[in-house]
């Protein structure tokens, strides 16, 4: 089964653009990535990674990468519940304390962390 990467992280895009189908939009916020994935789940895709993976809180980083399955055509209610709960959690964190306007150096660190999280999954799944 082929998986699709959805990200707003240019490091993930640059590293995996030749090996995966990637939906990349650098203008997406963290919540935009989650919402896009939710829409894909409604279309019949399933989550291959958890939307809130890692220890970085949704209001700390602007970057998010999620892997989903190819379209299966049937709504997976487990994936839907997970993505809906993840969106609610992210909104709660962001409303409590919005993501700061980080310096480029700190943004770079968050890109590296996000890349590392998806690299671990890809290596574990032996996708490359």
C-alpha atoms as a PDB file:
ATOM      1  CA  UNK A   1       0.000   0.000   0.000  1.00  0.00           C
ATOM      2  CA  UNK A   2       1.317   3.407  -0.942  1.00  0.00           C
ATOM      3  CA  UNK A   3       1.018   6.211   1.534  1.00  0.00           C
ATOM      4  CA  UNK A   4       0.686   9.944   0.984  1.00  0.00           C
ATOM      5  CA  UNK A   5       2.458  12.616   3.010  1.00  0.00           C
ATOM      6  CA  UNK A   6       0.605  15.822   3.892  1.00  0.00           C
ATOM      7  CA  UNK A   7       2.897  18.573   5.177  1.00  0.00           C
ATOM      8  CA  UNK A   8       3.613  22.255   5.468  1.00  0.00           C
ATOM      9  CA  UNK A   9       7.305  21.561   6.137  1.00  0.00           C
ATOM     10  CA  UNK A  10       9.679  22.272   3.253  1.00  0.00           C
ATOM     11  CA  UNK A  11      12.333  19.940   4.708  1.00  0.00           C
ATOM     12  CA  UNK A  12       9.935  16.989   4.520  1.00  0.00           C
ATOM     13  CA  UNK A  13       8.949  17.961   0.987  1.00  0.00           C
ATOM     14  CA  UNK A  14      12.552  18.274  -0.193  1.00  0.00           C
ATOM     15  CA  UNK A  15      13.600  14.966   1.346  1.00  0.00           C
ATOM     16  CA  UNK A  16      10.668  12.823   0.178  1.00  0.00           C
ATOM     17  CA  UNK A  17       9.297  14.483  -2.975  1.00  0.00           C
ATOM     18  CA  UNK A  18      10.908  11.852  -5.212  1.00  0.00           C
ATOM     19  CA  UNK A  19       9.764   8.848  -3.172  1.00  0.00           C
ATOM     20  CA  UNK A  20       6.221   9.692  -2.067  1.00  0.00           C
ATOM     21  CA  UNK A  21       3.149  11.443  -3.240  1.00  0.00           C
ATOM     22  CA  UNK A  22       3.309  14.631  -1.185  1.00  0.00           C
ATOM     23  CA  UNK A  23       0.693  17.255  -0.618  1.00  0.00           C
ATOM     24  CA  UNK A  24       2.799  20.250   0.367  1.00  0.00           C
ATOM     25  CA  UNK A  25       1.595  23.744   1.097  1.00  0.00           C
ATOM     26  CA  UNK A  26       3.987  25.972   3.007  1.00  0.00           C
ATOM     27  CA  UNK A  27       1.180  28.473   3.639  1.00  0.00           C
ATOM     28  CA  UNK A  28      -0.805  25.877   5.630  1.00  0.00           C
ATOM     29  CA  UNK A  29      -0.966  26.410   9.375  1.00  0.00           C
ATOM     30  CA  UNK A  30      -0.832  23.467  11.776  1.00  0.00           C
ATOM     31  CA  UNK A  31      -4.646  23.474  11.862  1.00  0.00           C
ATOM     32  CA  UNK A  32      -4.826  23.710   8.058  1.00  0.00           C
ATOM     33  CA  UNK A  33      -2.830  20.473   7.777  1.00  0.00           C
ATOM     34  CA  UNK A  34      -5.177  18.746  10.238  1.00  0.00           C
ATOM     35  CA  UNK A  35      -8.252  20.060   8.420  1.00  0.00           C
ATOM     36  CA  UNK A  36      -6.908  18.966   5.043  1.00  0.00           C
ATOM     37  CA  UNK A  37      -6.273  15.477   6.419  1.00  0.00           C
ATOM     38  CA  UNK A  38      -9.795  15.391   7.902  1.00  0.00           C
ATOM     39  CA  UNK A  39     -11.204  16.176   4.461  1.00  0.00           C
ATOM     40  CA  UNK A  40      -9.111  13.350   2.979  1.00  0.00           C
ATOM     41  CA  UNK A  41     -10.399  10.945   5.643  1.00  0.00           C
ATOM     42  CA  UNK A  42     -13.948  11.906   4.613  1.00  0.00           C
ATOM     43  CA  UNK A  43     -12.973  10.986   1.033  1.00  0.00           C
ATOM     44  CA  UNK A  44     -11.879   7.489   2.087  1.00  0.00           C
ATOM     45  CA  UNK A  45      -8.237   7.827   3.159  1.00  0.00           C
ATOM     46  CA  UNK A  46      -7.039   6.404   6.490  1.00  0.00           C
ATOM     47  CA  UNK A  47      -4.523   7.807   8.938  1.00  0.00           C
ATOM     48  CA  UNK A  48      -1.150   6.063   8.757  1.00  0.00           C
ATOM     49  CA  UNK A  49       0.361   8.269  11.486  1.00  0.00           C
ATOM     50  CA  UNK A  50      -1.246   9.891  14.486  1.00  0.00           C
ATOM     51  CA  UNK A  51      -1.958  13.607  13.924  1.00  0.00           C
ATOM     52  CA  UNK A  52      -0.573  14.580  17.343  1.00  0.00           C
ATOM     53  CA  UNK A  53       2.557  12.431  17.262  1.00  0.00           C
ATOM     54  CA  UNK A  54       5.642  13.713  19.049  1.00  0.00           C
ATOM     55  CA  UNK A  55       6.016  15.745  22.187  1.00  0.00           C
ATOM     56  CA  UNK A  56       5.766  19.209  20.605  1.00  0.00           C
ATOM     57  CA  UNK A  57       2.433  20.808  21.443  1.00  0.00           C
ATOM     58  CA  UNK A  58       0.190  22.145  18.649  1.00  0.00           C
ATOM     59  CA  UNK A  59       0.621  25.718  19.879  1.00  0.00           C
ATOM     60  CA  UNK A  60       4.428  25.476  19.975  1.00  0.00           C
ATOM     61  CA  UNK A  61       5.195  24.606  16.363  1.00  0.00           C
ATOM     62  CA  UNK A  62       3.681  25.741  13.086  1.00  0.00           C
ATOM     63  CA  UNK A  63       4.823  22.530  11.289  1.00  0.00           C
ATOM     64  CA  UNK A  64       2.931  19.292  10.932  1.00  0.00           C
ATOM     65  CA  UNK A  65       3.429  16.245   8.770  1.00  0.00           C
ATOM     66  CA  UNK A  66       0.887  13.422   8.617  1.00  0.00           C
ATOM     67  CA  UNK A  67       0.930  10.259   6.540  1.00  0.00           C
ATOM     68  CA  UNK A  68      -2.331   8.903   5.139  1.00  0.00           C
ATOM     69  CA  UNK A  69      -3.214   5.880   3.034  1.00  0.00           C
ATOM     70  CA  UNK A  70      -4.214   5.925  -0.577  1.00  0.00           C
ATOM     71  CA  UNK A  71      -7.934   6.422  -1.034  1.00  0.00           C
ATOM     72  CA  UNK A  72      -9.811   3.282  -0.046  1.00  0.00           C
ATOM     73  CA  UNK A  73     -13.278   4.604  -0.808  1.00  0.00           C
ATOM     74  CA  UNK A  74     -14.858   3.721   2.527  1.00  0.00           C
ATOM     75  CA  UNK A  75     -15.018   6.085   5.480  1.00  0.00           C
ATOM     76  CA  UNK A  76     -12.806   4.796   8.298  1.00  0.00           C
ATOM     77  CA  UNK A  77     -14.569   5.894  11.480  1.00  0.00           C
ATOM     78  CA  UNK A  78     -11.512   5.267  13.660  1.00  0.00           C
ATOM     79  CA  UNK A  79      -9.417   7.645  11.524  1.00  0.00           C
ATOM     80  CA  UNK A  80     -12.264  10.163  11.562  1.00  0.00           C
ATOM     81  CA  UNK A  81     -12.538  10.086  15.355  1.00  0.00           C
ATOM     82  CA  UNK A  82      -8.772  10.473  15.771  1.00  0.00           C
ATOM     83  CA  UNK A  83      -8.499  13.434  13.372  1.00  0.00           C
ATOM     84  CA  UNK A  84     -11.582  15.177  14.801  1.00  0.00           C
ATOM     85  CA  UNK A  85     -10.260  14.737  18.360  1.00  0.00           C
ATOM     86  CA  UNK A  86      -6.851  15.998  17.222  1.00  0.00           C
ATOM     87  CA  UNK A  87      -8.374  19.120  15.680  1.00  0.00           C
ATOM     88  CA  UNK A  88     -10.311  19.820  18.893  1.00  0.00           C
ATOM     89  CA  UNK A  89      -7.147  19.357  20.966  1.00  0.00           C
ATOM     90  CA  UNK A  90      -5.088  21.606  18.686  1.00  0.00           C
ATOM     91  CA  UNK A  91      -7.760  24.324  18.777  1.00  0.00           C
ATOM     92  CA  UNK A  92      -7.841  24.127  22.573  1.00  0.00           C
ATOM     93  CA  UNK A  93      -4.061  24.560  22.847  1.00  0.00           C
ATOM     94  CA  UNK A  94      -3.950  27.370  20.265  1.00  0.00           C
ATOM     95  CA  UNK A  95      -6.840  29.274  21.852  1.00  0.00           C
ATOM     96  CA  UNK A  96      -5.183  29.019  25.254  1.00  0.00           C
ATOM     97  CA  UNK A  97      -1.823  30.247  23.999  1.00  0.00           C
ATOM     98  CA  UNK A  98      -1.273  31.031  20.291  1.00  0.00           C
ATOM     99  CA  UNK A  99       1.878  29.928  18.512  1.00  0.00           C
ATOM    100  CA  UNK A 100       4.562  32.597  18.998  1.00  0.00           C
ATOM    101  CA  UNK A 101       6.184  34.447  16.104  1.00  0.00           C
ATOM    102  CA  UNK A 102       9.379  32.419  16.314  1.00  0.00           C
ATOM    103  CA  UNK A 103      12.715  33.533  14.871  1.00  0.00           C
ATOM    104  CA  UNK A 104      13.893  31.767  11.723  1.00  0.00           C
ATOM    105  CA  UNK A 105      16.439  29.821  13.766  1.00  0.00           C
ATOM    106  CA  UNK A 106      13.736  28.385  16.023  1.00  0.00           C
ATOM    107  CA  UNK A 107      11.456  27.689  13.045  1.00  0.00           C
ATOM    108  CA  UNK A 108      14.339  25.756  11.519  1.00  0.00           C
ATOM    109  CA  UNK A 109      14.590  23.671  14.700  1.00  0.00           C
ATOM    110  CA  UNK A 110      10.867  22.873  14.501  1.00  0.00           C
ATOM    111  CA  UNK A 111      11.236  21.858  10.828  1.00  0.00           C
ATOM    112  CA  UNK A 112      14.030  19.464  11.812  1.00  0.00           C
ATOM    113  CA  UNK A 113      11.947  17.970  14.650  1.00  0.00           C
ATOM    114  CA  UNK A 114       8.958  17.442  12.348  1.00  0.00           C
ATOM    115  CA  UNK A 115      11.203  15.874   9.697  1.00  0.00           C
ATOM    116  CA  UNK A 116      12.731  13.563  12.293  1.00  0.00           C
ATOM    117  CA  UNK A 117       9.304  12.350  13.409  1.00  0.00           C
ATOM    118  CA  UNK A 118       8.254  11.328   9.887  1.00  0.00           C
ATOM    119  CA  UNK A 119      11.716   9.875   9.122  1.00  0.00           C
ATOM    120  CA  UNK A 120      11.307   7.531  12.082  1.00  0.00           C
ATOM    121  CA  UNK A 121       7.949   6.324  10.784  1.00  0.00           C
ATOM    122  CA  UNK A 122       9.224   5.871   7.251  1.00  0.00           C
ATOM    123  CA  UNK A 123      12.271   3.958   8.477  1.00  0.00           C
ATOM    124  CA  UNK A 124      10.105   1.783  10.732  1.00  0.00           C
ATOM    125  CA  UNK A 125       7.752   0.985   7.851  1.00  0.00           C
ATOM    126  CA  UNK A 126      10.735   0.362   5.546  1.00  0.00           C
ATOM    127  CA  UNK A 127       9.229   2.616   2.903  1.00  0.00           C
ATOM    128  CA  UNK A 128      12.585   3.651   1.489  1.00  0.00           C
END
